[in-house]
N, C-alpha and C. Protein backbone atom coordinates (compact mmCIF):
# COMPACT_ATOMS: atom_id res chain seq x y z
N MET A 1 -16.96 0.26 8.21
CA MET A 1 -16.28 -0.33 7.08
C MET A 1 -16.71 0.37 5.81
N GLY A 2 -16.03 0.05 4.72
CA GLY A 2 -16.27 0.73 3.46
C GLY A 2 -17.32 0.08 2.59
N LYS A 3 -17.22 0.37 1.31
CA LYS A 3 -18.18 -0.10 0.32
C LYS A 3 -18.04 -1.59 0.06
N GLU A 4 -19.11 -2.16 -0.46
CA GLU A 4 -19.09 -3.57 -0.84
C GLU A 4 -18.50 -3.66 -2.25
N LEU A 5 -17.34 -4.22 -2.38
CA LEU A 5 -16.68 -4.40 -3.67
C LEU A 5 -16.06 -5.79 -3.71
N VAL A 6 -15.69 -6.21 -4.90
CA VAL A 6 -15.04 -7.50 -5.04
C VAL A 6 -13.54 -7.30 -4.91
N ALA A 7 -12.92 -8.12 -4.09
CA ALA A 7 -11.47 -8.07 -3.93
C ALA A 7 -10.96 -9.47 -3.70
N GLY A 8 -9.68 -9.64 -3.81
CA GLY A 8 -9.09 -10.94 -3.57
C GLY A 8 -8.97 -11.74 -4.85
N THR A 9 -8.57 -12.96 -4.71
CA THR A 9 -8.34 -13.79 -5.89
C THR A 9 -9.60 -14.51 -6.34
N ASP A 10 -10.62 -14.62 -5.51
CA ASP A 10 -11.88 -15.23 -5.90
C ASP A 10 -12.90 -14.13 -6.14
N HIS A 11 -13.05 -13.72 -7.39
CA HIS A 11 -13.91 -12.60 -7.74
C HIS A 11 -15.39 -12.91 -7.58
N LYS A 12 -15.74 -14.13 -7.22
CA LYS A 12 -17.13 -14.48 -6.99
C LYS A 12 -17.55 -14.17 -5.55
N LYS A 13 -16.58 -13.96 -4.68
CA LYS A 13 -16.87 -13.67 -3.28
C LYS A 13 -16.70 -12.18 -3.01
N PRO A 14 -17.75 -11.52 -2.52
CA PRO A 14 -17.60 -10.10 -2.19
C PRO A 14 -16.77 -9.94 -0.92
N SER A 15 -16.07 -8.86 -0.83
CA SER A 15 -15.35 -8.54 0.39
C SER A 15 -15.44 -7.05 0.62
N LYS A 16 -15.13 -6.64 1.81
CA LYS A 16 -15.22 -5.23 2.16
C LYS A 16 -13.91 -4.52 1.82
N ILE A 17 -14.05 -3.36 1.21
CA ILE A 17 -12.91 -2.49 1.03
C ILE A 17 -12.75 -1.73 2.34
N GLN A 18 -11.55 -1.72 2.89
CA GLN A 18 -11.32 -1.13 4.19
C GLN A 18 -10.90 0.33 4.06
N ASP A 19 -11.91 1.20 3.93
CA ASP A 19 -11.62 2.63 3.84
C ASP A 19 -10.88 3.13 5.08
N ASP A 20 -11.12 2.48 6.20
CA ASP A 20 -10.47 2.89 7.44
C ASP A 20 -9.34 1.93 7.82
N GLY A 21 -8.89 1.14 6.86
CA GLY A 21 -7.82 0.17 7.12
C GLY A 21 -6.46 0.82 7.10
N PRO A 22 -5.45 0.02 7.26
CA PRO A 22 -4.09 0.58 7.29
C PRO A 22 -3.67 1.18 5.95
N ALA A 23 -2.82 2.17 6.03
CA ALA A 23 -2.22 2.76 4.84
C ALA A 23 -0.95 1.98 4.52
N ILE A 24 -0.69 1.81 3.25
CA ILE A 24 0.56 1.21 2.79
C ILE A 24 1.36 2.34 2.15
N ILE A 25 2.59 2.52 2.62
CA ILE A 25 3.42 3.62 2.14
C ILE A 25 4.68 3.04 1.51
N LEU A 26 4.92 3.39 0.26
CA LEU A 26 6.14 2.98 -0.43
C LEU A 26 7.05 4.20 -0.53
N ILE A 27 8.25 4.08 0.00
CA ILE A 27 9.19 5.19 0.04
C ILE A 27 10.13 5.10 -1.16
N VAL A 28 10.11 6.09 -2.00
CA VAL A 28 10.91 6.19 -3.22
C VAL A 28 10.87 4.87 -4.01
N PRO A 29 9.67 4.41 -4.37
CA PRO A 29 9.59 3.19 -5.19
C PRO A 29 10.21 3.45 -6.55
N GLN A 30 10.89 2.45 -7.08
CA GLN A 30 11.66 2.66 -8.29
C GLN A 30 10.97 2.23 -9.57
N LEU A 31 10.22 1.14 -9.55
CA LEU A 31 9.63 0.61 -10.78
C LEU A 31 8.10 0.60 -10.69
N GLY A 32 7.46 1.08 -11.75
CA GLY A 32 6.01 1.03 -11.80
C GLY A 32 5.48 -0.38 -11.65
N GLU A 33 6.20 -1.34 -12.20
CA GLU A 33 5.77 -2.74 -12.10
C GLU A 33 5.70 -3.19 -10.64
N ASN A 34 6.68 -2.78 -9.84
CA ASN A 34 6.68 -3.16 -8.43
C ASN A 34 5.55 -2.48 -7.67
N ILE A 35 5.25 -1.24 -8.02
CA ILE A 35 4.12 -0.55 -7.41
C ILE A 35 2.84 -1.31 -7.75
N GLY A 36 2.70 -1.71 -9.01
CA GLY A 36 1.51 -2.44 -9.44
C GLY A 36 1.35 -3.75 -8.69
N LYS A 37 2.44 -4.44 -8.43
CA LYS A 37 2.37 -5.71 -7.69
C LYS A 37 1.97 -5.46 -6.24
N ALA A 38 2.48 -4.39 -5.65
CA ALA A 38 2.08 -4.04 -4.28
C ALA A 38 0.60 -3.68 -4.25
N VAL A 39 0.14 -2.97 -5.27
CA VAL A 39 -1.28 -2.60 -5.38
C VAL A 39 -2.15 -3.84 -5.43
N ARG A 40 -1.76 -4.82 -6.20
CA ARG A 40 -2.54 -6.06 -6.31
C ARG A 40 -2.59 -6.79 -4.97
N ALA A 41 -1.46 -6.86 -4.28
CA ALA A 41 -1.43 -7.50 -2.97
C ALA A 41 -2.33 -6.75 -1.99
N MET A 42 -2.31 -5.43 -2.02
CA MET A 42 -3.19 -4.64 -1.16
C MET A 42 -4.64 -4.98 -1.43
N TYR A 43 -5.01 -4.98 -2.68
CA TYR A 43 -6.41 -5.21 -3.07
C TYR A 43 -6.88 -6.61 -2.68
N ASN A 44 -5.97 -7.57 -2.72
CA ASN A 44 -6.31 -8.93 -2.28
C ASN A 44 -6.83 -8.94 -0.85
N PHE A 45 -6.40 -7.96 -0.06
CA PHE A 45 -6.81 -7.87 1.34
C PHE A 45 -7.78 -6.71 1.59
N GLY A 46 -8.29 -6.12 0.51
CA GLY A 46 -9.28 -5.06 0.65
C GLY A 46 -8.71 -3.72 1.06
N LEU A 47 -7.41 -3.53 0.94
CA LEU A 47 -6.77 -2.26 1.32
C LEU A 47 -6.70 -1.33 0.11
N THR A 48 -6.99 -0.05 0.33
CA THR A 48 -6.98 0.89 -0.80
C THR A 48 -6.19 2.17 -0.54
N ASP A 49 -5.62 2.33 0.65
CA ASP A 49 -4.90 3.56 0.98
C ASP A 49 -3.42 3.40 0.66
N LEU A 50 -3.05 3.71 -0.58
CA LEU A 50 -1.65 3.66 -1.02
C LEU A 50 -1.07 5.06 -1.03
N ARG A 51 0.07 5.19 -0.39
CA ARG A 51 0.77 6.48 -0.35
C ARG A 51 2.17 6.26 -0.92
N LEU A 52 2.52 7.07 -1.88
CA LEU A 52 3.83 6.97 -2.53
C LEU A 52 4.65 8.20 -2.16
N VAL A 53 5.86 7.97 -1.68
CA VAL A 53 6.76 9.07 -1.36
C VAL A 53 7.80 9.16 -2.46
N ALA A 54 7.74 10.25 -3.19
CA ALA A 54 8.72 10.57 -4.24
C ALA A 54 9.03 9.39 -5.17
N PRO A 55 8.01 8.85 -5.87
CA PRO A 55 8.30 7.75 -6.78
C PRO A 55 9.30 8.18 -7.86
N ARG A 56 10.31 7.37 -8.06
CA ARG A 56 11.41 7.72 -8.97
C ARG A 56 10.93 8.09 -10.37
N ASP A 57 9.99 7.31 -10.91
CA ASP A 57 9.54 7.53 -12.28
C ASP A 57 8.23 8.31 -12.36
N GLY A 58 7.85 8.96 -11.27
CA GLY A 58 6.65 9.77 -11.25
C GLY A 58 5.39 8.94 -11.09
N TRP A 59 4.27 9.65 -10.93
CA TRP A 59 2.98 9.01 -10.78
C TRP A 59 1.92 9.90 -11.39
N PRO A 60 0.95 9.34 -12.12
CA PRO A 60 0.72 7.92 -12.37
C PRO A 60 1.79 7.32 -13.28
N ASN A 61 1.91 6.00 -13.21
CA ASN A 61 2.91 5.28 -13.98
C ASN A 61 2.21 4.14 -14.72
N GLU A 62 2.20 4.22 -16.02
CA GLU A 62 1.51 3.23 -16.85
C GLU A 62 2.02 1.81 -16.62
N ALA A 63 3.29 1.67 -16.23
CA ALA A 63 3.86 0.34 -16.00
C ALA A 63 3.23 -0.36 -14.79
N ALA A 64 2.51 0.37 -13.95
CA ALA A 64 1.88 -0.24 -12.77
C ALA A 64 0.54 -0.89 -13.09
N VAL A 65 -0.07 -0.54 -14.21
CA VAL A 65 -1.44 -0.97 -14.51
C VAL A 65 -1.56 -2.47 -14.69
N ALA A 66 -0.75 -3.07 -15.56
CA ALA A 66 -0.87 -4.51 -15.83
C ALA A 66 -0.61 -5.35 -14.58
N PRO A 67 0.46 -5.11 -13.83
CA PRO A 67 0.68 -5.91 -12.63
C PRO A 67 -0.39 -5.71 -11.55
N ALA A 68 -1.08 -4.58 -11.57
CA ALA A 68 -2.14 -4.33 -10.59
C ALA A 68 -3.34 -5.24 -10.86
N ALA A 69 -3.45 -5.76 -12.06
CA ALA A 69 -4.43 -6.78 -12.44
C ALA A 69 -5.85 -6.50 -11.94
N GLY A 70 -6.36 -5.33 -12.29
CA GLY A 70 -7.75 -5.03 -11.96
C GLY A 70 -7.96 -4.28 -10.66
N ALA A 71 -6.91 -3.98 -9.95
CA ALA A 71 -7.04 -3.25 -8.68
C ALA A 71 -7.04 -1.74 -8.96
N ASP A 72 -7.86 -1.36 -9.92
CA ASP A 72 -7.90 0.03 -10.37
C ASP A 72 -8.23 1.02 -9.25
N ILE A 73 -9.09 0.61 -8.33
CA ILE A 73 -9.49 1.51 -7.24
C ILE A 73 -8.28 1.95 -6.43
N VAL A 74 -7.32 1.06 -6.23
CA VAL A 74 -6.11 1.41 -5.47
C VAL A 74 -5.25 2.36 -6.28
N LEU A 75 -5.09 2.09 -7.57
CA LEU A 75 -4.32 2.98 -8.44
C LEU A 75 -4.93 4.38 -8.46
N GLU A 76 -6.26 4.44 -8.56
CA GLU A 76 -6.95 5.73 -8.64
C GLU A 76 -6.85 6.52 -7.35
N ARG A 77 -6.84 5.83 -6.21
CA ARG A 77 -6.81 6.50 -4.91
C ARG A 77 -5.40 6.83 -4.43
N ALA A 78 -4.39 6.32 -5.11
CA ALA A 78 -3.01 6.53 -4.66
C ALA A 78 -2.70 8.02 -4.54
N ARG A 79 -2.00 8.35 -3.46
CA ARG A 79 -1.60 9.74 -3.24
C ARG A 79 -0.08 9.82 -3.20
N VAL A 80 0.44 10.92 -3.71
CA VAL A 80 1.89 11.12 -3.79
C VAL A 80 2.29 12.23 -2.82
N TYR A 81 3.38 11.97 -2.11
CA TYR A 81 3.92 12.93 -1.14
C TYR A 81 5.39 13.17 -1.47
N ASP A 82 5.87 14.34 -1.08
CA ASP A 82 7.29 14.66 -1.28
C ASP A 82 8.17 14.04 -0.21
N THR A 83 7.62 13.90 1.01
CA THR A 83 8.42 13.39 2.12
C THR A 83 7.66 12.33 2.91
N THR A 84 8.39 11.51 3.61
CA THR A 84 7.78 10.52 4.49
C THR A 84 6.99 11.21 5.60
N ALA A 85 7.52 12.30 6.12
CA ALA A 85 6.82 13.03 7.19
C ALA A 85 5.43 13.46 6.73
N GLU A 86 5.31 13.94 5.51
CA GLU A 86 3.99 14.33 4.98
C GLU A 86 3.08 13.12 4.83
N ALA A 87 3.64 12.00 4.39
CA ALA A 87 2.83 10.79 4.15
C ALA A 87 2.27 10.20 5.43
N ILE A 88 2.96 10.38 6.54
CA ILE A 88 2.51 9.77 7.80
C ILE A 88 1.86 10.78 8.75
N ALA A 89 1.74 12.02 8.35
CA ALA A 89 1.29 13.09 9.25
C ALA A 89 -0.04 12.81 9.93
N ASP A 90 -0.96 12.12 9.26
CA ASP A 90 -2.29 11.88 9.84
C ASP A 90 -2.42 10.51 10.51
N LEU A 91 -1.34 9.77 10.60
CA LEU A 91 -1.39 8.41 11.15
C LEU A 91 -1.02 8.39 12.63
N GLU A 92 -1.67 7.51 13.37
CA GLU A 92 -1.42 7.40 14.80
C GLU A 92 -0.27 6.44 15.10
N TYR A 93 -0.23 5.31 14.40
CA TYR A 93 0.82 4.31 14.56
C TYR A 93 1.48 4.09 13.21
N VAL A 94 2.80 3.95 13.21
CA VAL A 94 3.54 3.70 11.98
C VAL A 94 4.52 2.57 12.24
N TYR A 95 4.48 1.56 11.40
CA TYR A 95 5.41 0.44 11.47
C TYR A 95 6.18 0.39 10.15
N ALA A 96 7.45 0.14 10.21
CA ALA A 96 8.29 0.11 9.01
C ALA A 96 8.83 -1.29 8.80
N THR A 97 8.98 -1.66 7.53
CA THR A 97 9.59 -2.94 7.18
C THR A 97 10.63 -2.70 6.09
N THR A 98 11.60 -3.58 6.03
CA THR A 98 12.60 -3.52 4.98
C THR A 98 13.22 -4.90 4.82
N ALA A 99 13.69 -5.17 3.63
CA ALA A 99 14.41 -6.42 3.38
C ALA A 99 15.91 -6.19 3.47
N ARG A 100 16.30 -4.94 3.62
CA ARG A 100 17.71 -4.60 3.64
C ARG A 100 18.26 -4.64 5.08
N PRO A 101 19.47 -5.16 5.25
CA PRO A 101 20.06 -5.16 6.59
C PRO A 101 20.40 -3.72 7.00
N ARG A 102 20.24 -3.44 8.26
CA ARG A 102 20.56 -2.12 8.80
C ARG A 102 21.53 -2.28 9.95
N ASP A 103 22.37 -1.28 10.17
CA ASP A 103 23.34 -1.31 11.25
C ASP A 103 22.77 -0.66 12.50
N MET A 104 21.61 -1.13 12.93
CA MET A 104 21.00 -0.60 14.14
C MET A 104 20.18 -1.70 14.79
N ILE A 105 19.97 -1.57 16.06
CA ILE A 105 19.17 -2.54 16.78
C ILE A 105 17.80 -1.92 17.03
N LYS A 106 16.78 -2.60 16.56
CA LYS A 106 15.41 -2.14 16.73
C LYS A 106 14.57 -3.28 17.30
N GLU A 107 13.58 -2.92 18.07
CA GLU A 107 12.65 -3.92 18.58
C GLU A 107 11.88 -4.52 17.40
N VAL A 108 11.75 -5.82 17.38
CA VAL A 108 11.00 -6.51 16.34
C VAL A 108 9.64 -6.88 16.91
N VAL A 109 8.58 -6.50 16.18
CA VAL A 109 7.23 -6.84 16.60
C VAL A 109 6.56 -7.64 15.50
N THR A 110 5.66 -8.50 15.89
CA THR A 110 4.93 -9.32 14.92
C THR A 110 3.73 -8.56 14.37
N PRO A 111 3.21 -8.98 13.22
CA PRO A 111 1.99 -8.35 12.71
C PRO A 111 0.83 -8.42 13.70
N LYS A 112 0.72 -9.54 14.42
CA LYS A 112 -0.35 -9.67 15.42
C LYS A 112 -0.22 -8.61 16.49
N HIS A 113 0.99 -8.35 16.93
CA HIS A 113 1.22 -7.31 17.94
C HIS A 113 0.77 -5.94 17.42
N CYS A 114 0.97 -5.70 16.16
CA CYS A 114 0.62 -4.41 15.57
C CYS A 114 -0.88 -4.15 15.59
N VAL A 115 -1.69 -5.18 15.51
CA VAL A 115 -3.14 -5.00 15.47
C VAL A 115 -3.80 -5.17 16.83
N ASP A 116 -3.09 -5.64 17.81
CA ASP A 116 -3.67 -5.81 19.15
C ASP A 116 -3.80 -4.49 19.87
């Protein structure tokens, strides 16, 4: 596991930053504010591996700072890639999510299944 740092919503409780935890990849994110909110959610769970694929407004993005609410380590470690293939090249398993309907049938797996 990684370094001892404070994460989550209770800053009085230490938690582990998961240097070897899952990567979160945002594909063509559009708003810095949304990236910042994703960063904050990641940090709440001790995740710091953020990968951005072709962010529309570039990176770093000042609009991400306030919504990240102190999750500076995630902002600082964020890496930018030109393609999804580059962003996932070193990963063994990749799971995708979307809120948009798609015209294809895909197997649905639960988060628990992903970690088993």
